[in-house]
N, C-alpha and C. Protein backbone atom coordinates (compact mmCIF):
# COMPACT_ATOMS: atom_id res chain seq x y z
N MET A 1 37.19 -6.41 18.79
CA MET A 1 36.21 -5.60 18.09
C MET A 1 36.10 -6.13 16.66
N HIS A 2 34.87 -6.37 16.26
CA HIS A 2 34.57 -6.85 14.92
C HIS A 2 33.72 -5.79 14.22
N VAL A 3 34.01 -5.53 12.97
CA VAL A 3 33.22 -4.59 12.18
C VAL A 3 32.71 -5.36 10.96
N VAL A 4 31.41 -5.26 10.72
CA VAL A 4 30.81 -5.88 9.54
C VAL A 4 30.20 -4.75 8.72
N LEU A 5 30.74 -4.55 7.53
CA LEU A 5 30.31 -3.47 6.64
C LEU A 5 29.64 -4.05 5.41
N GLY A 6 28.61 -3.36 4.94
CA GLY A 6 27.97 -3.78 3.71
C GLY A 6 26.98 -2.75 3.23
N PRO A 7 26.62 -2.82 1.96
CA PRO A 7 25.68 -1.85 1.38
C PRO A 7 24.27 -2.07 1.94
N PRO A 8 23.38 -1.12 1.68
CA PRO A 8 22.00 -1.29 2.13
C PRO A 8 21.42 -2.58 1.54
N GLY A 9 20.72 -3.31 2.35
CA GLY A 9 20.12 -4.56 1.90
C GLY A 9 20.97 -5.78 2.17
N ALA A 10 22.25 -5.59 2.49
CA ALA A 10 23.10 -6.73 2.87
C ALA A 10 22.69 -7.16 4.27
N ASP A 11 22.58 -8.42 4.50
CA ASP A 11 22.14 -8.93 5.81
C ASP A 11 23.34 -9.01 6.75
N LEU A 12 23.72 -7.87 7.31
CA LEU A 12 24.89 -7.81 8.17
C LEU A 12 24.68 -8.63 9.45
N MET A 13 23.52 -8.52 10.06
CA MET A 13 23.25 -9.28 11.28
C MET A 13 23.20 -10.77 10.97
N GLY A 14 22.59 -11.14 9.89
CA GLY A 14 22.53 -12.55 9.51
C GLY A 14 23.92 -13.13 9.27
N ALA A 15 24.81 -12.32 8.72
CA ALA A 15 26.17 -12.78 8.47
C ALA A 15 26.95 -12.93 9.78
N ALA A 16 26.71 -12.04 10.73
CA ALA A 16 27.44 -12.07 12.00
C ALA A 16 26.87 -13.08 12.99
N GLU A 17 25.58 -13.35 12.91
CA GLU A 17 24.89 -14.17 13.90
C GLU A 17 25.57 -15.48 14.27
N PRO A 18 26.04 -16.28 13.31
CA PRO A 18 26.67 -17.54 13.68
C PRO A 18 27.92 -17.39 14.55
N TYR A 19 28.51 -16.20 14.57
CA TYR A 19 29.75 -15.97 15.30
C TYR A 19 29.53 -15.30 16.65
N LEU A 20 28.31 -14.88 16.91
CA LEU A 20 28.03 -14.18 18.16
C LEU A 20 28.02 -15.16 19.33
N LYS A 21 28.59 -14.70 20.43
CA LYS A 21 28.57 -15.48 21.66
C LYS A 21 27.40 -15.01 22.50
N ARG A 22 27.16 -15.72 23.57
CA ARG A 22 26.02 -15.38 24.43
C ARG A 22 26.12 -13.95 24.96
N ASP A 23 27.34 -13.50 25.23
CA ASP A 23 27.52 -12.17 25.79
C ASP A 23 28.03 -11.14 24.78
N SER A 24 27.96 -11.47 23.49
CA SER A 24 28.39 -10.52 22.46
C SER A 24 27.48 -9.29 22.44
N ILE A 25 28.08 -8.17 22.16
CA ILE A 25 27.33 -6.92 22.04
C ILE A 25 27.31 -6.53 20.57
N THR A 26 26.11 -6.29 20.04
CA THR A 26 26.00 -5.84 18.66
C THR A 26 25.52 -4.39 18.66
N VAL A 27 26.12 -3.60 17.80
CA VAL A 27 25.74 -2.20 17.66
C VAL A 27 25.27 -2.03 16.23
N SER A 28 23.97 -1.89 16.06
CA SER A 28 23.33 -1.84 14.75
C SER A 28 22.40 -0.66 14.66
N HIS A 29 22.58 0.17 13.65
CA HIS A 29 21.73 1.34 13.43
C HIS A 29 20.26 0.92 13.33
N ALA A 30 19.98 -0.13 12.57
CA ALA A 30 18.60 -0.58 12.39
C ALA A 30 17.98 -1.02 13.72
N ASP A 31 18.75 -1.74 14.54
CA ASP A 31 18.23 -2.18 15.83
C ASP A 31 18.00 -1.01 16.78
N ILE A 32 18.87 -0.01 16.71
CA ILE A 32 18.69 1.17 17.56
C ILE A 32 17.44 1.92 17.13
N MET A 33 17.21 2.07 15.82
CA MET A 33 15.99 2.74 15.35
C MET A 33 14.75 1.98 15.83
N GLU A 34 14.82 0.65 15.75
CA GLU A 34 13.69 -0.17 16.20
C GLU A 34 13.43 0.00 17.69
N ALA A 35 14.50 0.09 18.47
CA ALA A 35 14.34 0.28 19.92
C ALA A 35 13.78 1.66 20.24
N LEU A 36 14.17 2.66 19.49
CA LEU A 36 13.69 4.02 19.74
C LEU A 36 12.24 4.22 19.29
N CYS A 37 11.87 3.56 18.19
CA CYS A 37 10.52 3.75 17.65
C CYS A 37 10.09 2.47 16.92
N PRO A 38 9.53 1.50 17.67
CA PRO A 38 9.17 0.21 17.06
C PRO A 38 8.19 0.31 15.89
N GLU A 39 7.42 1.36 15.83
CA GLU A 39 6.40 1.51 14.77
C GLU A 39 6.83 2.50 13.70
N HIS A 40 8.14 2.62 13.43
CA HIS A 40 8.62 3.66 12.50
C HIS A 40 8.27 3.41 11.05
N GLY A 41 7.90 2.22 10.67
CA GLY A 41 7.51 1.94 9.29
C GLY A 41 8.71 1.84 8.37
N PRO A 42 8.44 1.70 7.06
CA PRO A 42 9.54 1.47 6.10
C PRO A 42 10.39 2.71 5.82
N LYS A 43 9.90 3.89 6.11
CA LYS A 43 10.65 5.13 5.84
C LYS A 43 10.79 5.93 7.13
N PRO A 44 11.84 5.64 7.91
CA PRO A 44 12.02 6.36 9.18
C PRO A 44 12.24 7.86 8.95
N SER A 45 11.81 8.66 9.91
CA SER A 45 11.96 10.11 9.81
C SER A 45 13.44 10.49 9.93
N PRO A 46 13.80 11.64 9.39
CA PRO A 46 15.18 12.12 9.55
C PRO A 46 15.58 12.26 11.03
N ALA A 47 14.64 12.67 11.87
CA ALA A 47 14.94 12.82 13.30
C ALA A 47 15.29 11.47 13.93
N LEU A 48 14.54 10.43 13.57
CA LEU A 48 14.82 9.09 14.10
C LEU A 48 16.16 8.58 13.59
N ARG A 49 16.43 8.78 12.31
CA ARG A 49 17.72 8.36 11.74
C ARG A 49 18.88 9.05 12.45
N ALA A 50 18.74 10.37 12.68
CA ALA A 50 19.79 11.14 13.34
C ALA A 50 20.00 10.67 14.78
N ALA A 51 18.91 10.44 15.49
CA ALA A 51 19.01 9.98 16.88
C ALA A 51 19.69 8.61 16.94
N ALA A 52 19.31 7.72 16.02
CA ALA A 52 19.93 6.39 16.00
C ALA A 52 21.41 6.49 15.63
N GLY A 53 21.75 7.39 14.72
CA GLY A 53 23.15 7.58 14.35
C GLY A 53 23.98 8.08 15.53
N SER A 54 23.42 9.01 16.28
CA SER A 54 24.13 9.52 17.47
C SER A 54 24.28 8.43 18.52
N ALA A 55 23.24 7.62 18.69
CA ALA A 55 23.31 6.52 19.66
C ALA A 55 24.34 5.47 19.22
N TRP A 56 24.40 5.18 17.92
CA TRP A 56 25.40 4.24 17.40
C TRP A 56 26.80 4.74 17.71
N ASP A 57 27.06 6.02 17.38
CA ASP A 57 28.38 6.61 17.64
C ASP A 57 28.73 6.55 19.12
N ALA A 58 27.78 6.89 19.98
CA ALA A 58 28.04 6.88 21.42
C ALA A 58 28.33 5.47 21.92
N ALA A 59 27.55 4.49 21.45
CA ALA A 59 27.78 3.10 21.87
C ALA A 59 29.15 2.63 21.42
N TYR A 60 29.51 2.92 20.18
CA TYR A 60 30.82 2.52 19.67
C TYR A 60 31.94 3.15 20.50
N ARG A 61 31.88 4.45 20.72
CA ARG A 61 32.93 5.14 21.46
C ARG A 61 33.06 4.59 22.89
N ARG A 62 31.94 4.32 23.51
CA ARG A 62 31.97 3.79 24.89
C ARG A 62 32.57 2.39 24.92
N LEU A 63 32.14 1.54 24.01
CA LEU A 63 32.64 0.16 23.98
C LEU A 63 34.11 0.10 23.57
N ALA A 64 34.54 1.00 22.71
CA ALA A 64 35.95 1.03 22.29
C ALA A 64 36.88 1.37 23.44
N LYS A 65 36.36 2.06 24.43
CA LYS A 65 37.16 2.47 25.59
C LYS A 65 37.01 1.53 26.77
N SER A 66 36.22 0.48 26.62
CA SER A 66 35.97 -0.43 27.73
C SER A 66 37.25 -1.11 28.19
N ARG A 67 37.44 -1.16 29.49
CA ARG A 67 38.60 -1.86 30.04
C ARG A 67 38.29 -3.34 30.23
N ALA A 68 37.02 -3.67 30.29
CA ALA A 68 36.62 -5.07 30.44
C ALA A 68 36.69 -5.75 29.08
N PRO A 69 37.06 -7.02 29.04
CA PRO A 69 37.07 -7.72 27.74
C PRO A 69 35.63 -7.94 27.25
N VAL A 70 35.33 -7.38 26.11
CA VAL A 70 33.99 -7.53 25.53
C VAL A 70 34.12 -7.94 24.08
N ASP A 71 33.14 -8.71 23.61
CA ASP A 71 33.07 -9.14 22.22
C ASP A 71 32.05 -8.23 21.53
N VAL A 72 32.56 -7.27 20.77
CA VAL A 72 31.70 -6.24 20.17
C VAL A 72 31.65 -6.43 18.67
N TRP A 73 30.43 -6.36 18.12
CA TRP A 73 30.19 -6.46 16.68
C TRP A 73 29.53 -5.17 16.23
N LEU A 74 30.25 -4.39 15.46
CA LEU A 74 29.75 -3.14 14.92
C LEU A 74 29.21 -3.41 13.51
N LEU A 75 27.93 -3.17 13.31
CA LEU A 75 27.29 -3.39 12.01
C LEU A 75 27.02 -2.02 11.40
N ARG A 76 27.52 -1.82 10.20
CA ARG A 76 27.42 -0.48 9.63
C ARG A 76 27.41 -0.55 8.10
N THR A 77 26.72 0.40 7.49
CA THR A 77 26.70 0.48 6.04
C THR A 77 27.87 1.32 5.54
N LEU A 78 27.96 2.55 5.95
CA LEU A 78 29.04 3.42 5.49
C LEU A 78 30.06 3.62 6.62
N PRO A 79 31.34 3.47 6.32
CA PRO A 79 32.37 3.62 7.36
C PRO A 79 32.74 5.08 7.59
N MET A 80 31.71 5.90 7.78
CA MET A 80 31.93 7.33 8.00
C MET A 80 30.66 7.95 8.56
N SER A 81 30.82 9.08 9.17
CA SER A 81 29.68 9.90 9.59
C SER A 81 30.14 11.35 9.54
N ARG A 82 29.25 12.27 9.79
CA ARG A 82 29.66 13.68 9.77
C ARG A 82 30.71 13.96 10.83
N THR A 83 30.54 13.37 12.00
CA THR A 83 31.48 13.61 13.09
C THR A 83 32.72 12.73 13.00
N HIS A 84 32.65 11.62 12.28
CA HIS A 84 33.77 10.68 12.15
C HIS A 84 33.90 10.27 10.68
N PRO A 85 34.51 11.12 9.86
CA PRO A 85 34.55 10.85 8.42
C PRO A 85 35.50 9.73 7.99
N ARG A 86 36.35 9.24 8.91
CA ARG A 86 37.33 8.22 8.52
C ARG A 86 37.30 7.03 9.47
N LEU A 87 36.14 6.48 9.69
CA LEU A 87 36.01 5.35 10.61
C LEU A 87 36.81 4.13 10.16
N LEU A 88 36.80 3.83 8.87
CA LEU A 88 37.54 2.66 8.40
C LEU A 88 39.03 2.80 8.71
N ASP A 89 39.58 3.99 8.49
CA ASP A 89 40.99 4.23 8.82
C ASP A 89 41.23 4.01 10.32
N GLU A 90 40.31 4.47 11.13
CA GLU A 90 40.42 4.28 12.58
C GLU A 90 40.41 2.80 12.94
N TRP A 91 39.49 2.05 12.35
CA TRP A 91 39.37 0.62 12.68
C TRP A 91 40.61 -0.14 12.24
N ILE A 92 41.17 0.23 11.10
CA ILE A 92 42.40 -0.43 10.64
C ILE A 92 43.56 -0.06 11.55
N ALA A 93 43.66 1.21 11.93
CA ALA A 93 44.73 1.64 12.84
C ALA A 93 44.65 0.91 14.17
N LEU A 94 43.43 0.62 14.62
CA LEU A 94 43.23 -0.06 15.90
C LEU A 94 43.27 -1.58 15.75
N ASP A 95 43.51 -2.07 14.54
CA ASP A 95 43.66 -3.51 14.26
C ASP A 95 42.39 -4.31 14.56
N TYR A 96 41.23 -3.71 14.24
CA TYR A 96 39.96 -4.42 14.41
C TYR A 96 39.82 -5.46 13.30
N ASP A 97 38.97 -6.44 13.54
CA ASP A 97 38.61 -7.42 12.52
C ASP A 97 37.52 -6.77 11.66
N VAL A 98 37.81 -6.53 10.40
CA VAL A 98 36.86 -5.85 9.51
C VAL A 98 36.45 -6.81 8.40
N THR A 99 35.15 -6.99 8.25
CA THR A 99 34.61 -7.89 7.24
C THR A 99 33.67 -7.11 6.32
N ILE A 100 33.83 -7.34 5.03
CA ILE A 100 32.97 -6.71 4.02
C ILE A 100 31.95 -7.75 3.54
N ILE A 101 30.68 -7.39 3.60
CA ILE A 101 29.60 -8.25 3.11
C ILE A 101 28.95 -7.52 1.93
N ASP A 102 29.08 -8.07 0.74
CA ASP A 102 28.51 -7.42 -0.44
C ASP A 102 27.77 -8.44 -1.30
N PRO A 103 26.45 -8.40 -1.27
CA PRO A 103 25.68 -9.34 -2.09
C PRO A 103 25.68 -9.01 -3.58
N GLY A 104 26.30 -7.90 -3.96
CA GLY A 104 26.38 -7.52 -5.36
C GLY A 104 25.49 -6.32 -5.68
N ALA A 105 25.97 -5.48 -6.57
CA ALA A 105 25.27 -4.24 -6.90
C ALA A 105 23.88 -4.50 -7.47
N ALA A 106 23.73 -5.52 -8.32
CA ALA A 106 22.42 -5.80 -8.92
C ALA A 106 21.39 -6.08 -7.84
N TYR A 107 21.77 -6.90 -6.87
CA TYR A 107 20.86 -7.22 -5.76
C TYR A 107 20.53 -5.96 -4.95
N VAL A 108 21.57 -5.20 -4.61
CA VAL A 108 21.39 -4.02 -3.75
C VAL A 108 20.49 -2.98 -4.42
N PHE A 109 20.76 -2.67 -5.70
CA PHE A 109 19.96 -1.65 -6.38
C PHE A 109 18.55 -2.14 -6.67
N ASP A 110 18.39 -3.43 -6.95
CA ASP A 110 17.06 -3.98 -7.14
C ASP A 110 16.25 -3.89 -5.85
N ARG A 111 16.89 -4.22 -4.75
CA ARG A 111 16.21 -4.18 -3.44
C ARG A 111 15.86 -2.74 -3.05
N ALA A 112 16.72 -1.78 -3.40
CA ALA A 112 16.46 -0.38 -3.07
C ALA A 112 15.25 0.14 -3.83
N GLY A 113 15.02 -0.40 -5.02
CA GLY A 113 13.86 0.01 -5.81
C GLY A 113 13.86 1.50 -6.09
N LEU A 114 12.76 2.14 -5.77
CA LEU A 114 12.62 3.57 -6.02
C LEU A 114 12.86 4.41 -4.77
N ASP A 115 13.32 3.79 -3.69
CA ASP A 115 13.59 4.51 -2.44
C ASP A 115 14.83 5.39 -2.64
N ALA A 116 14.61 6.70 -2.72
CA ALA A 116 15.70 7.64 -3.02
C ALA A 116 16.81 7.58 -1.98
N ASP A 117 16.44 7.44 -0.71
CA ASP A 117 17.45 7.39 0.35
C ASP A 117 18.32 6.14 0.21
N ALA A 118 17.69 4.99 -0.01
CA ALA A 118 18.43 3.73 -0.16
C ALA A 118 19.33 3.77 -1.39
N LEU A 119 18.83 4.36 -2.49
CA LEU A 119 19.64 4.48 -3.70
C LEU A 119 20.86 5.37 -3.47
N LYS A 120 20.65 6.46 -2.74
CA LYS A 120 21.75 7.39 -2.44
C LYS A 120 22.84 6.68 -1.63
N VAL A 121 22.43 5.95 -0.60
CA VAL A 121 23.41 5.25 0.24
C VAL A 121 24.10 4.14 -0.55
N ALA A 122 23.35 3.44 -1.39
CA ALA A 122 23.94 2.39 -2.22
C ALA A 122 25.00 2.98 -3.16
N ARG A 123 24.69 4.13 -3.76
CA ARG A 123 25.68 4.78 -4.63
C ARG A 123 26.91 5.20 -3.83
N GLN A 124 26.70 5.72 -2.62
CA GLN A 124 27.83 6.10 -1.76
C GLN A 124 28.69 4.86 -1.43
N TRP A 125 28.02 3.76 -1.10
CA TRP A 125 28.74 2.53 -0.76
C TRP A 125 29.64 2.08 -1.91
N TYR A 126 29.05 1.98 -3.10
CA TYR A 126 29.82 1.48 -4.25
C TYR A 126 30.87 2.47 -4.72
N ALA A 127 30.70 3.76 -4.44
CA ALA A 127 31.72 4.76 -4.78
C ALA A 127 32.98 4.57 -3.92
N LEU A 128 32.85 3.91 -2.78
CA LEU A 128 34.00 3.66 -1.90
C LEU A 128 34.90 2.53 -2.42
N HIS A 129 34.36 1.67 -3.28
CA HIS A 129 35.10 0.54 -3.85
C HIS A 129 35.73 -0.34 -2.77
N LEU A 130 34.97 -0.63 -1.73
CA LEU A 130 35.47 -1.47 -0.64
C LEU A 130 35.42 -2.94 -1.03
N THR A 131 36.53 -3.63 -0.81
CA THR A 131 36.58 -5.07 -1.03
C THR A 131 37.27 -5.70 0.17
N GLN A 132 36.99 -6.96 0.39
CA GLN A 132 37.64 -7.67 1.49
C GLN A 132 39.14 -7.73 1.24
N ALA A 133 39.54 -7.98 0.01
CA ALA A 133 40.97 -8.06 -0.31
C ALA A 133 41.68 -6.74 -0.01
N GLY A 134 41.07 -5.64 -0.36
CA GLY A 134 41.67 -4.33 -0.09
C GLY A 134 41.80 -4.04 1.39
N VAL A 135 40.75 -4.35 2.14
CA VAL A 135 40.78 -4.14 3.59
C VAL A 135 41.81 -5.07 4.23
N ASP A 136 41.84 -6.34 3.80
CA ASP A 136 42.81 -7.29 4.35
C ASP A 136 44.25 -6.84 4.10
N ALA A 137 44.51 -6.27 2.92
CA ALA A 137 45.86 -5.79 2.62
C ALA A 137 46.25 -4.65 3.56
N ARG A 138 45.32 -3.74 3.79
CA ARG A 138 45.59 -2.63 4.71
C ARG A 138 45.78 -3.13 6.13
N LEU A 139 44.97 -4.11 6.54
CA LEU A 139 45.11 -4.68 7.89
C LEU A 139 46.45 -5.39 8.05
N ALA A 140 46.90 -6.08 7.01
CA ALA A 140 48.18 -6.79 7.08
C ALA A 140 49.34 -5.80 7.25
N VAL A 141 49.30 -4.70 6.52
CA VAL A 141 50.34 -3.67 6.65
C VAL A 141 50.34 -3.12 8.07
N ARG A 142 49.17 -2.83 8.58
CA ARG A 142 49.07 -2.29 9.95
C ARG A 142 49.55 -3.30 10.97
N HIS A 143 49.19 -4.55 10.77
CA HIS A 143 49.61 -5.59 11.71
C HIS A 143 51.14 -5.71 11.72
N GLU A 144 51.76 -5.66 10.55
CA GLU A 144 53.23 -5.70 10.46
C GLU A 144 53.85 -4.54 11.24
N GLU A 145 53.24 -3.36 11.08
CA GLU A 145 53.76 -2.19 11.79
C GLU A 145 53.63 -2.37 13.30
N LEU A 146 52.50 -2.88 13.76
CA LEU A 146 52.29 -3.11 15.19
C LEU A 146 53.26 -4.18 15.71
N ALA A 147 53.51 -5.21 14.92
CA ALA A 147 54.46 -6.25 15.32
C ALA A 147 55.87 -5.67 15.41
N ARG A 148 56.25 -4.82 14.45
CA ARG A 148 57.56 -4.19 14.47
C ARG A 148 57.75 -3.33 15.72
N LEU A 149 56.65 -2.70 16.17
CA LEU A 149 56.70 -1.87 17.37
C LEU A 149 56.58 -2.69 18.66
N GLY A 150 56.38 -4.00 18.52
CA GLY A 150 56.25 -4.86 19.68
C GLY A 150 54.87 -4.82 20.33
N LEU A 151 53.89 -4.35 19.61
CA LEU A 151 52.54 -4.23 20.15
C LEU A 151 51.62 -5.40 19.77
N ARG A 152 52.07 -6.24 18.85
CA ARG A 152 51.33 -7.43 18.42
C ARG A 152 52.35 -8.51 18.14
N SER A 153 51.87 -9.77 18.17
CA SER A 153 52.75 -10.86 17.78
C SER A 153 53.00 -10.76 16.28
N ALA A 154 54.08 -11.36 15.83
CA ALA A 154 54.41 -11.29 14.41
C ALA A 154 53.43 -12.08 13.55
N GLU A 155 52.76 -13.06 14.14
CA GLU A 155 51.80 -13.87 13.38
C GLU A 155 50.54 -13.07 13.13
N LEU A 156 50.00 -13.22 11.95
CA LEU A 156 48.72 -12.59 11.65
C LEU A 156 47.64 -13.28 12.45
N PRO A 157 46.64 -12.54 12.91
CA PRO A 157 45.55 -13.18 13.65
C PRO A 157 44.81 -14.19 12.79
N ALA A 158 44.34 -15.26 13.42
CA ALA A 158 43.58 -16.28 12.69
C ALA A 158 42.28 -15.67 12.20
N THR A 159 41.80 -16.17 11.08
CA THR A 159 40.53 -15.66 10.56
C THR A 159 39.35 -16.47 11.10
N ILE A 160 39.61 -17.30 12.11
CA ILE A 160 38.50 -18.03 12.74
C ILE A 160 37.59 -16.99 13.36
N GLY A 161 36.33 -17.09 13.13
CA GLY A 161 35.40 -16.11 13.61
C GLY A 161 35.13 -15.03 12.58
N ARG A 162 35.89 -15.01 11.49
CA ARG A 162 35.67 -14.03 10.43
C ARG A 162 34.40 -14.40 9.70
N VAL A 163 33.57 -13.44 9.54
CA VAL A 163 32.32 -13.64 8.82
C VAL A 163 32.63 -13.97 7.37
N THR A 164 31.93 -14.94 6.82
CA THR A 164 32.11 -15.27 5.41
C THR A 164 30.82 -15.01 4.66
N TRP A 165 30.93 -14.72 3.39
CA TRP A 165 29.76 -14.45 2.56
C TRP A 165 29.73 -15.46 1.44
């Protein structure tokens, strides 16, 4: 399981694309909205956003429980939802590959322009203070704990396939 997180306007799919295999599954809120309503325009309705959010959560939960080996890429802006307020903690506990894509606050806020919804989400994103170094440190601690319990090898997983920015 791979998670690619970034603020609004970060090209999460573009960052993940070079690493996707032919049978990779991507779970993207934007793609789900597009599938539900191809003509939604630049400002999707709250109902469409909510439906896409529920579909994203359902797809993630189903794929996380899959017994078949699957290559899953979860693309998300905020690592939380009303029903799952601590997704990042969950992904770290499950030892997922988590990548942070941040093109920088100036770019993100400039791109958001006067869109109140995009500005709100951008402020929420930057209030989290997520960095790749911080996430990697938490993943390393978790990996050590899993290795101590005999659930993972002592070696840290290779970063081959890790999205780079």
